Amino acid sequence: PKKQSLDIESLKKDIVTAKEWIKTALESSGYQADF
């Protein structure tokens, strides 16, 4: 097994993408998502 390093910059982008996606997904399914 190779030690895989976590790409921090990619993870930061994933967080931003996930934040926007889940807010839209929750609201479109009838759940409050105003943080």
PDB file of all heavy atoms in Angstrom:
ATOM      1  N   PRO A   1       0.824  -1.202   0.000  1.00  0.00           N
ATOM      2  CA  PRO A   1       0.000   0.000   0.000  1.00  0.00           C
ATOM      3  C   PRO A   1       0.858   1.252   0.000  1.00  0.00           C
ATOM      4  O   PRO A   1       1.811   1.363   0.758  1.00  0.00           O
ATOM      5  CB  PRO A   1      -0.801  -0.115   1.304  1.00  0.00           C
ATOM      6  CG  PRO A   1      -0.043  -1.069   2.153  1.00  0.00           C
ATOM      7  CD  PRO A   1       0.734  -1.949   1.233  1.00  0.00           C
ATOM      8  N   LYS A   2       0.527   2.160  -0.859  1.00  0.00           N
ATOM      9  CA  LYS A   2       1.245   3.431  -0.940  1.00  0.00           C
ATOM     10  C   LYS A   2       0.551   4.425   0.001  1.00  0.00           C
ATOM     11  O   LYS A   2      -0.659   4.479   0.070  1.00  0.00           O
ATOM     12  CB  LYS A   2       1.195   3.980  -2.368  1.00  0.00           C
ATOM     13  CG  LYS A   2       1.653   2.997  -3.424  1.00  0.00           C
ATOM     14  CD  LYS A   2       3.136   2.986  -3.532  1.00  0.00           C
ATOM     15  CE  LYS A   2       3.632   2.214  -4.722  1.00  0.00           C
ATOM     16  NZ  LYS A   2       3.681   0.809  -4.609  1.00  0.00           N
ATOM     17  N   LYS A   3       1.347   5.174   0.695  1.00  0.00           N
ATOM     18  CA  LYS A   3       0.772   6.195   1.546  1.00  0.00           C
ATOM     19  C   LYS A   3       0.243   7.298   0.645  1.00  0.00           C
ATOM     20  O   LYS A   3       0.998   7.944  -0.073  1.00  0.00           O
ATOM     21  CB  LYS A   3       1.819   6.744   2.515  1.00  0.00           C
ATOM     22  CG  LYS A   3       1.238   7.747   3.465  1.00  0.00           C
ATOM     23  CD  LYS A   3       2.263   8.273   4.432  1.00  0.00           C
ATOM     24  CE  LYS A   3       1.616   9.294   5.334  1.00  0.00           C
ATOM     25  NZ  LYS A   3       2.577   9.929   6.200  1.00  0.00           N
ATOM     26  N   GLN A   4      -1.053   7.456   0.692  1.00  0.00           N
ATOM     27  CA  GLN A   4      -1.663   8.465  -0.150  1.00  0.00           C
ATOM     28  C   GLN A   4      -1.800   9.759   0.644  1.00  0.00           C
ATOM     29  O   GLN A   4      -2.313   9.767   1.746  1.00  0.00           O
ATOM     30  CB  GLN A   4      -3.025   8.003  -0.630  1.00  0.00           C
ATOM     31  CG  GLN A   4      -2.913   6.766  -1.484  1.00  0.00           C
ATOM     32  CD  GLN A   4      -4.100   6.611  -2.377  1.00  0.00           C
ATOM     33  OE1 GLN A   4      -4.997   7.434  -2.388  1.00  0.00           O
ATOM     34  NE2 GLN A   4      -4.108   5.553  -3.129  1.00  0.00           N
ATOM     35  N   SER A   5      -1.344  10.815   0.046  1.00  0.00           N
ATOM     36  CA  SER A   5      -1.486  12.093   0.705  1.00  0.00           C
ATOM     37  C   SER A   5      -2.793  12.723   0.238  1.00  0.00           C
ATOM     38  O   SER A   5      -3.189  12.591  -0.914  1.00  0.00           O
ATOM     39  CB  SER A   5      -0.299  13.002   0.386  1.00  0.00           C
ATOM     40  OG  SER A   5      -0.219  13.199  -1.012  1.00  0.00           O
ATOM     41  N   LEU A   6      -3.455  13.352   1.155  1.00  0.00           N
ATOM     42  CA  LEU A   6      -4.720  13.981   0.862  1.00  0.00           C
ATOM     43  C   LEU A   6      -4.434  15.337   0.229  1.00  0.00           C
ATOM     44  O   LEU A   6      -3.667  16.129   0.757  1.00  0.00           O
ATOM     45  CB  LEU A   6      -5.502  14.142   2.164  1.00  0.00           C
ATOM     46  CG  LEU A   6      -6.986  14.314   2.081  1.00  0.00           C
ATOM     47  CD1 LEU A   6      -7.624  13.147   1.335  1.00  0.00           C
ATOM     48  CD2 LEU A   6      -7.583  14.402   3.455  1.00  0.00           C
ATOM     49  N   ASP A   7      -5.027  15.592  -0.904  1.00  0.00           N
ATOM     50  CA  ASP A   7      -4.846  16.853  -1.611  1.00  0.00           C
ATOM     51  C   ASP A   7      -5.734  17.913  -0.952  1.00  0.00           C
ATOM     52  O   ASP A   7      -6.944  17.924  -1.149  1.00  0.00           O
ATOM     53  CB  ASP A   7      -5.204  16.665  -3.086  1.00  0.00           C
ATOM     54  CG  ASP A   7      -4.988  17.918  -3.909  1.00  0.00           C
ATOM     55  OD1 ASP A   7      -4.566  18.956  -3.342  1.00  0.00           O
ATOM     56  OD2 ASP A   7      -5.247  17.866  -5.120  1.00  0.00           O
ATOM     57  N   ILE A   8      -5.122  18.775  -0.160  1.00  0.00           N
ATOM     58  CA  ILE A   8      -5.860  19.770   0.619  1.00  0.00           C
ATOM     59  C   ILE A   8      -6.617  20.741  -0.285  1.00  0.00           C
ATOM     60  O   ILE A   8      -7.776  21.063  -0.025  1.00  0.00           O
ATOM     61  CB  ILE A   8      -4.903  20.546   1.560  1.00  0.00           C
ATOM     62  CG1 ILE A   8      -4.197  19.581   2.525  1.00  0.00           C
ATOM     63  CG2 ILE A   8      -5.647  21.625   2.325  1.00  0.00           C
ATOM     64  CD1 ILE A   8      -5.093  18.831   3.460  1.00  0.00           C
ATOM     65  N   GLU A   9      -5.988  21.187  -1.361  1.00  0.00           N
ATOM     66  CA  GLU A   9      -6.658  22.134  -2.255  1.00  0.00           C
ATOM     67  C   GLU A   9      -7.884  21.499  -2.910  1.00  0.00           C
ATOM     68  O   GLU A   9      -8.928  22.126  -3.028  1.00  0.00           O
ATOM     69  CB  GLU A   9      -5.683  22.666  -3.318  1.00  0.00           C
ATOM     70  CG  GLU A   9      -4.603  23.567  -2.753  1.00  0.00           C
ATOM     71  CD  GLU A   9      -5.144  24.713  -1.902  1.00  0.00           C
ATOM     72  OE1 GLU A   9      -6.077  25.409  -2.347  1.00  0.00           O
ATOM     73  OE2 GLU A   9      -4.639  24.901  -0.780  1.00  0.00           O
ATOM     74  N   SER A  10      -7.758  20.269  -3.300  1.00  0.00           N
ATOM     75  CA  SER A  10      -8.888  19.552  -3.889  1.00  0.00           C
ATOM     76  C   SER A  10     -10.003  19.366  -2.854  1.00  0.00           C
ATOM     77  O   SER A  10     -11.188  19.504  -3.160  1.00  0.00           O
ATOM     78  CB  SER A  10      -8.421  18.199  -4.413  1.00  0.00           C
ATOM     79  OG  SER A  10      -9.500  17.477  -4.926  1.00  0.00           O
ATOM     80  N   LEU A  11      -9.612  19.082  -1.622  1.00  0.00           N
ATOM     81  CA  LEU A  11     -10.586  18.906  -0.544  1.00  0.00           C
ATOM     82  C   LEU A  11     -11.325  20.208  -0.254  1.00  0.00           C
ATOM     83  O   LEU A  11     -12.539  20.207  -0.014  1.00  0.00           O
ATOM     84  CB  LEU A  11      -9.889  18.380   0.706  1.00  0.00           C
ATOM     85  CG  LEU A  11     -10.776  17.927   1.849  1.00  0.00           C
ATOM     86  CD1 LEU A  11     -11.824  16.919   1.400  1.00  0.00           C
ATOM     87  CD2 LEU A  11      -9.926  17.331   2.963  1.00  0.00           C
ATOM     88  N   LYS A  12     -10.621  21.325  -0.307  1.00  0.00           N
ATOM     89  CA  LYS A  12     -11.267  22.634  -0.112  1.00  0.00           C
ATOM     90  C   LYS A  12     -12.329  22.866  -1.186  1.00  0.00           C
ATOM     91  O   LYS A  12     -13.427  23.354  -0.897  1.00  0.00           O
ATOM     92  CB  LYS A  12     -10.232  23.764  -0.148  1.00  0.00           C
ATOM     93  CG  LYS A  12      -9.359  23.841   1.082  1.00  0.00           C
ATOM     94  CD  LYS A  12      -8.327  24.958   0.940  1.00  0.00           C
ATOM     95  CE  LYS A  12      -7.396  25.009   2.123  1.00  0.00           C
ATOM     96  NZ  LYS A  12      -6.366  26.054   1.964  1.00  0.00           N
ATOM     97  N   LYS A  13     -12.003  22.517  -2.418  1.00  0.00           N
ATOM     98  CA  LYS A  13     -12.971  22.660  -3.516  1.00  0.00           C
ATOM     99  C   LYS A  13     -14.154  21.729  -3.312  1.00  0.00           C
ATOM    100  O   LYS A  13     -15.304  22.103  -3.573  1.00  0.00           O
ATOM    101  CB  LYS A  13     -12.300  22.380  -4.860  1.00  0.00           C
ATOM    102  CG  LYS A  13     -11.310  23.443  -5.269  1.00  0.00           C
ATOM    103  CD  LYS A  13     -10.605  23.065  -6.564  1.00  0.00           C
ATOM    104  CE  LYS A  13      -9.503  24.063  -6.881  1.00  0.00           C
ATOM    105  NZ  LYS A  13      -8.709  23.656  -8.047  1.00  0.00           N
ATOM    106  N   ASP A  14     -13.876  20.503  -2.842  1.00  0.00           N
ATOM    107  CA  ASP A  14     -14.951  19.546  -2.578  1.00  0.00           C
ATOM    108  C   ASP A  14     -15.908  20.076  -1.510  1.00  0.00           C
ATOM    109  O   ASP A  14     -17.119  19.875  -1.597  1.00  0.00           O
ATOM    110  CB  ASP A  14     -14.386  18.200  -2.130  1.00  0.00           C
ATOM    111  CG  ASP A  14     -13.686  17.451  -3.246  1.00  0.00           C
ATOM    112  OD1 ASP A  14     -13.848  17.830  -4.428  1.00  0.00           O
ATOM    113  OD2 ASP A  14     -12.965  16.475  -2.935  1.00  0.00           O
ATOM    114  N   ILE A  15     -15.362  20.751  -0.510  1.00  0.00           N
ATOM    115  CA  ILE A  15     -16.202  21.312   0.560  1.00  0.00           C
ATOM    116  C   ILE A  15     -17.122  22.385  -0.004  1.00  0.00           C
ATOM    117  O   ILE A  15     -18.326  22.403   0.274  1.00  0.00           O
ATOM    118  CB  ILE A  15     -15.327  21.851   1.720  1.00  0.00           C
ATOM    119  CG1 ILE A  15     -14.710  20.669   2.483  1.00  0.00           C
ATOM    120  CG2 ILE A  15     -16.126  22.760   2.652  1.00  0.00           C
ATOM    121  CD1 ILE A  15     -13.667  21.055   3.506  1.00  0.00           C
ATOM    122  N   VAL A  16     -16.580  23.278  -0.823  1.00  0.00           N
ATOM    123  CA  VAL A  16     -17.393  24.339  -1.424  1.00  0.00           C
ATOM    124  C   VAL A  16     -18.475  23.742  -2.315  1.00  0.00           C
ATOM    125  O   VAL A  16     -19.649  24.121  -2.241  1.00  0.00           O
ATOM    126  CB  VAL A  16     -16.507  25.334  -2.222  1.00  0.00           C
ATOM    127  CG1 VAL A  16     -17.358  26.304  -3.030  1.00  0.00           C
ATOM    128  CG2 VAL A  16     -15.580  26.085  -1.278  1.00  0.00           C
ATOM    129  N   THR A  17     -18.100  22.788  -3.147  1.00  0.00           N
ATOM    130  CA  THR A  17     -19.060  22.136  -4.049  1.00  0.00           C
ATOM    131  C   THR A  17     -20.146  21.419  -3.254  1.00  0.00           C
ATOM    132  O   THR A  17     -21.339  21.546  -3.558  1.00  0.00           O
ATOM    133  CB  THR A  17     -18.338  21.124  -4.969  1.00  0.00           C
ATOM    134  OG1 THR A  17     -17.342  21.817  -5.710  1.00  0.00           O
ATOM    135  CG2 THR A  17     -19.303  20.443  -5.909  1.00  0.00           C
ATOM    136  N   ALA A  18     -19.738  20.673  -2.208  1.00  0.00           N
ATOM    137  CA  ALA A  18     -20.701  19.936  -1.388  1.00  0.00           C
ATOM    138  C   ALA A  18     -21.649  20.886  -0.664  1.00  0.00           C
ATOM    139  O   ALA A  18     -22.851  20.614  -0.564  1.00  0.00           O
ATOM    140  CB  ALA A  18     -19.968  19.049  -0.390  1.00  0.00           C
ATOM    141  N   LYS A  19     -21.114  21.991  -0.184  1.00  0.00           N
ATOM    142  CA  LYS A  19     -21.935  22.986   0.532  1.00  0.00           C
ATOM    143  C   LYS A  19     -23.041  23.508  -0.378  1.00  0.00           C
ATOM    144  O   LYS A  19     -24.206  23.571   0.027  1.00  0.00           O
ATOM    145  CB  LYS A  19     -21.039  24.135   0.996  1.00  0.00           C
ATOM    146  CG  LYS A  19     -21.776  25.305   1.606  1.00  0.00           C
ATOM    147  CD  LYS A  19     -20.807  26.444   1.918  1.00  0.00           C
ATOM    148  CE  LYS A  19     -21.531  27.690   2.361  1.00  0.00           C
ATOM    149  NZ  LYS A  19     -20.607  28.790   2.611  1.00  0.00           N
ATOM    150  N   GLU A  20     -22.690  23.895  -1.580  1.00  0.00           N
ATOM    151  CA  GLU A  20     -23.677  24.438  -2.515  1.00  0.00           C
ATOM    152  C   GLU A  20     -24.665  23.359  -2.962  1.00  0.00           C
ATOM    153  O   GLU A  20     -25.870  23.592  -3.025  1.00  0.00           O
ATOM    154  CB  GLU A  20     -22.963  25.048  -3.726  1.00  0.00           C
ATOM    155  CG  GLU A  20     -22.115  26.256  -3.359  1.00  0.00           C
ATOM    156  CD  GLU A  20     -21.137  26.672  -4.443  1.00  0.00           C
ATOM    157  OE1 GLU A  20     -21.072  26.011  -5.503  1.00  0.00           O
ATOM    158  OE2 GLU A  20     -20.408  27.663  -4.215  1.00  0.00           O
ATOM    159  N   TRP A  21     -24.147  22.164  -3.241  1.00  0.00           N
ATOM    160  CA  TRP A  21     -24.991  21.078  -3.731  1.00  0.00           C
ATOM    161  C   TRP A  21     -26.017  20.645  -2.687  1.00  0.00           C
ATOM    162  O   TRP A  21     -27.196  20.492  -2.983  1.00  0.00           O
ATOM    163  CB  TRP A  21     -24.112  19.892  -4.148  1.00  0.00           C
ATOM    164  CG  TRP A  21     -24.924  18.717  -4.587  1.00  0.00           C
ATOM    165  CD1 TRP A  21     -25.536  18.549  -5.793  1.00  0.00           C
ATOM    166  CD2 TRP A  21     -25.227  17.556  -3.819  1.00  0.00           C
ATOM    167  NE1 TRP A  21     -26.196  17.346  -5.821  1.00  0.00           N
ATOM    168  CE2 TRP A  21     -26.023  16.711  -4.623  1.00  0.00           C
ATOM    169  CE3 TRP A  21     -24.901  17.131  -2.530  1.00  0.00           C
ATOM    170  CZ2 TRP A  21     -26.499  15.477  -4.183  1.00  0.00           C
ATOM    171  CZ3 TRP A  21     -25.366  15.911  -2.092  1.00  0.00           C
ATOM    172  CH2 TRP A  21     -26.162  15.103  -2.916  1.00  0.00           C
ATOM    173  N   ILE A  22     -25.561  20.459  -1.426  1.00  0.00           N
ATOM    174  CA  ILE A  22     -26.477  19.954  -0.400  1.00  0.00           C
ATOM    175  C   ILE A  22     -27.523  20.980  -0.017  1.00  0.00           C
ATOM    176  O   ILE A  22     -28.670  20.631   0.260  1.00  0.00           O
ATOM    177  CB  ILE A  22     -25.717  19.412   0.846  1.00  0.00           C
ATOM    178  CG1 ILE A  22     -26.628  18.508   1.687  1.00  0.00           C
ATOM    179  CG2 ILE A  22     -25.160  20.558   1.687  1.00  0.00           C
ATOM    180  CD1 ILE A  22     -27.054  17.236   1.013  1.00  0.00           C
ATOM    181  N   LYS A  23     -27.167  22.257  -0.034  1.00  0.00           N
ATOM    182  CA  LYS A  23     -28.153  23.307   0.259  1.00  0.00           C
ATOM    183  C   LYS A  23     -29.286  23.237  -0.763  1.00  0.00           C
ATOM    184  O   LYS A  23     -30.468  23.201  -0.406  1.00  0.00           O
ATOM    185  CB  LYS A  23     -27.498  24.686   0.243  1.00  0.00           C
ATOM    186  CG  LYS A  23     -28.483  25.831   0.471  1.00  0.00           C
ATOM    187  CD  LYS A  23     -27.785  27.166   0.458  1.00  0.00           C
ATOM    188  CE  LYS A  23     -28.664  28.366   0.593  1.00  0.00           C
ATOM    189  NZ  LYS A  23     -29.976  28.254   1.123  1.00  0.00           N
ATOM    190  N   THR A  24     -28.928  23.175  -2.027  1.00  0.00           N
ATOM    191  CA  THR A  24     -29.923  23.086  -3.099  1.00  0.00           C
ATOM    192  C   THR A  24     -30.726  21.798  -2.991  1.00  0.00           C
ATOM    193  O   THR A  24     -31.961  21.811  -3.112  1.00  0.00           O
ATOM    194  CB  THR A  24     -29.228  23.160  -4.477  1.00  0.00           C
ATOM    195  OG1 THR A  24     -28.484  24.377  -4.541  1.00  0.00           O
ATOM    196  CG2 THR A  24     -30.226  23.102  -5.607  1.00  0.00           C
ATOM    197  N   ALA A  25     -30.044  20.687  -2.744  1.00  0.00           N
ATOM    198  CA  ALA A  25     -30.725  19.386  -2.663  1.00  0.00           C
ATOM    199  C   ALA A  25     -31.696  19.339  -1.493  1.00  0.00           C
ATOM    200  O   ALA A  25     -32.826  18.857  -1.640  1.00  0.00           O
ATOM    201  CB  ALA A  25     -29.689  18.272  -2.553  1.00  0.00           C
ATOM    202  N   LEU A  26     -31.285  19.828  -0.334  1.00  0.00           N
ATOM    203  CA  LEU A  26     -32.173  19.819   0.832  1.00  0.00           C
ATOM    204  C   LEU A  26     -33.401  20.698   0.590  1.00  0.00           C
ATOM    205  O   LEU A  26     -34.533  20.276   0.832  1.00  0.00           O
ATOM    206  CB  LEU A  26     -31.428  20.278   2.091  1.00  0.00           C
ATOM    207  CG  LEU A  26     -30.447  19.283   2.706  1.00  0.00           C
ATOM    208  CD1 LEU A  26     -29.609  19.954   3.796  1.00  0.00           C
ATOM    209  CD2 LEU A  26     -31.166  18.066   3.261  1.00  0.00           C
ATOM    210  N   GLU A  27     -33.164  21.909   0.102  1.00  0.00           N
ATOM    211  CA  GLU A  27     -34.280  22.827  -0.127  1.00  0.00           C
ATOM    212  C   GLU A  27     -35.253  22.293  -1.179  1.00  0.00           C
ATOM    213  O   GLU A  27     -36.466  22.408  -1.017  1.00  0.00           O
ATOM    214  CB  GLU A  27     -33.765  24.212  -0.531  1.00  0.00           C
ATOM    215  CG  GLU A  27     -33.096  24.933   0.624  1.00  0.00           C
ATOM    216  CD  GLU A  27     -32.467  26.256   0.239  1.00  0.00           C
ATOM    217  OE1 GLU A  27     -32.203  26.492  -0.964  1.00  0.00           O
ATOM    218  OE2 GLU A  27     -32.229  27.064   1.162  1.00  0.00           O
ATOM    219  N   SER A  28     -34.729  21.674  -2.228  1.00  0.00           N
ATOM    220  CA  SER A  28     -35.608  21.156  -3.277  1.00  0.00           C
ATOM    221  C   SER A  28     -36.418  19.949  -2.787  1.00  0.00           C
ATOM    222  O   SER A  28     -37.439  19.611  -3.379  1.00  0.00           O
ATOM    223  CB  SER A  28     -34.811  20.782  -4.526  1.00  0.00           C
ATOM    224  OG  SER A  28     -33.998  19.655  -4.269  1.00  0.00           O
ATOM    225  N   SER A  29     -35.971  19.326  -1.699  1.00  0.00           N
ATOM    226  CA  SER A  29     -36.709  18.196  -1.120  1.00  0.00           C
ATOM    227  C   SER A  29     -37.583  18.614   0.055  1.00  0.00           C
ATOM    228  O   SER A  29     -38.145  17.766   0.748  1.00  0.00           O
ATOM    229  CB  SER A  29     -35.723  17.118  -0.669  1.00  0.00           C
ATOM    230  OG  SER A  29     -35.002  16.616  -1.771  1.00  0.00           O
ATOM    231  N   GLY A  30     -37.666  19.925   0.306  1.00  0.00           N
ATOM    232  CA  GLY A  30     -38.559  20.425   1.355  1.00  0.00           C
ATOM    233  C   GLY A  30     -37.937  20.553   2.735  1.00  0.00           C
ATOM    234  O   GLY A  30     -38.652  20.626   3.730  1.00  0.00           O
ATOM    235  N   TYR A  31     -36.623  20.596   2.810  1.00  0.00           N
ATOM    236  CA  TYR A  31     -35.933  20.745   4.096  1.00  0.00           C
ATOM    237  C   TYR A  31     -35.306  22.129   4.188  1.00  0.00           C
ATOM    238  O   TYR A  31     -34.783  22.651   3.206  1.00  0.00           O
ATOM    239  CB  TYR A  31     -34.850  19.673   4.248  1.00  0.00           C
ATOM    240  CG  TYR A  31     -35.405  18.274   4.214  1.00  0.00           C
ATOM    241  CD1 TYR A  31     -35.383  17.529   3.036  1.00  0.00           C
ATOM    242  CD2 TYR A  31     -35.975  17.704   5.349  1.00  0.00           C
ATOM    243  CE1 TYR A  31     -35.903  16.243   2.993  1.00  0.00           C
ATOM    244  CE2 TYR A  31     -36.501  16.423   5.312  1.00  0.00           C
ATOM    245  CZ  TYR A  31     -36.464  15.692   4.132  1.00  0.00           C
ATOM    246  OH  TYR A  31     -36.981  14.426   4.081  1.00  0.00           O
ATOM    247  N   GLN A  32     -35.358  22.699   5.384  1.00  0.00           N
ATOM    248  CA  GLN A  32     -34.752  24.004   5.621  1.00  0.00           C
ATOM    249  C   GLN A  32     -33.229  23.861   5.554  1.00  0.00           C
ATOM    250  O   GLN A  32     -32.664  22.973   6.186  1.00  0.00           O
ATOM    251  CB  GLN A  32     -35.166  24.531   6.999  1.00  0.00           C
ATOM    252  CG  GLN A  32     -34.584  25.876   7.354  1.00  0.00           C
ATOM    253  CD  GLN A  32     -34.994  26.316   8.771  1.00  0.00           C
ATOM    254  OE1 GLN A  32     -35.879  25.747   9.379  1.00  0.00           O
ATOM    255  NE2 GLN A  32     -34.306  27.321   9.272  1.00  0.00           N
ATOM    256  N   ALA A  33     -32.588  24.755   4.811  1.00  0.00           N
ATOM    257  CA  ALA A  33     -31.126  24.679   4.660  1.00  0.00           C
ATOM    258  C   ALA A  33     -30.542  26.087   4.599  1.00  0.00           C
ATOM    259  O   ALA A  33     -29.888  26.467   3.635  1.00  0.00           O
ATOM    260  CB  ALA A  33     -30.763  23.878   3.419  1.00  0.00           C
ATOM    261  N   ASP A  34     -30.779  26.852   5.660  1.00  0.00           N
ATOM    262  CA  ASP A  34     -30.291  28.234   5.698  1.00  0.00           C
ATOM    263  C   ASP A  34     -29.066  28.406   6.596  1.00  0.00           C
ATOM    264  O   ASP A  34     -28.693  29.507   6.949  1.00  0.00           O
ATOM    265  CB  ASP A  34     -31.413  29.168   6.140  1.00  0.00           C
ATOM    266  CG  ASP A  34     -31.930  28.846   7.541  1.00  0.00           C
ATOM    267  OD1 ASP A  34     -31.409  27.914   8.193  1.00  0.00           O
ATOM    268  OD2 ASP A  34     -32.881  29.524   7.986  1.00  0.00           O
ATOM    269  N   PHE A  35     -28.442  27.314   6.980  1.00  0.00           N
ATOM    270  CA  PHE A  35     -27.239  27.302   7.809  1.00  0.00           C
ATOM    271  C   PHE A  35     -27.481  27.858   9.213  1.00  0.00           C
ATOM    272  O   PHE A  35     -26.563  28.314   9.875  1.00  0.00           O
ATOM    273  CB  PHE A  35     -26.069  28.010   7.114  1.00  0.00           C
ATOM    274  CG  PHE A  35     -25.662  27.342   5.842  1.00  0.00           C
ATOM    275  CD1 PHE A  35     -26.122  27.811   4.618  1.00  0.00           C
ATOM    276  CD2 PHE A  35     -24.857  26.213   5.849  1.00  0.00           C
ATOM    277  CE1 PHE A  35     -25.783  27.171   3.428  1.00  0.00           C
ATOM    278  CE2 PHE A  35     -24.517  25.568   4.666  1.00  0.00           C
ATOM    279  CZ  PHE A  35     -24.968  26.042   3.453  1.00  0.00           C
TER     280      PHE A  35
END
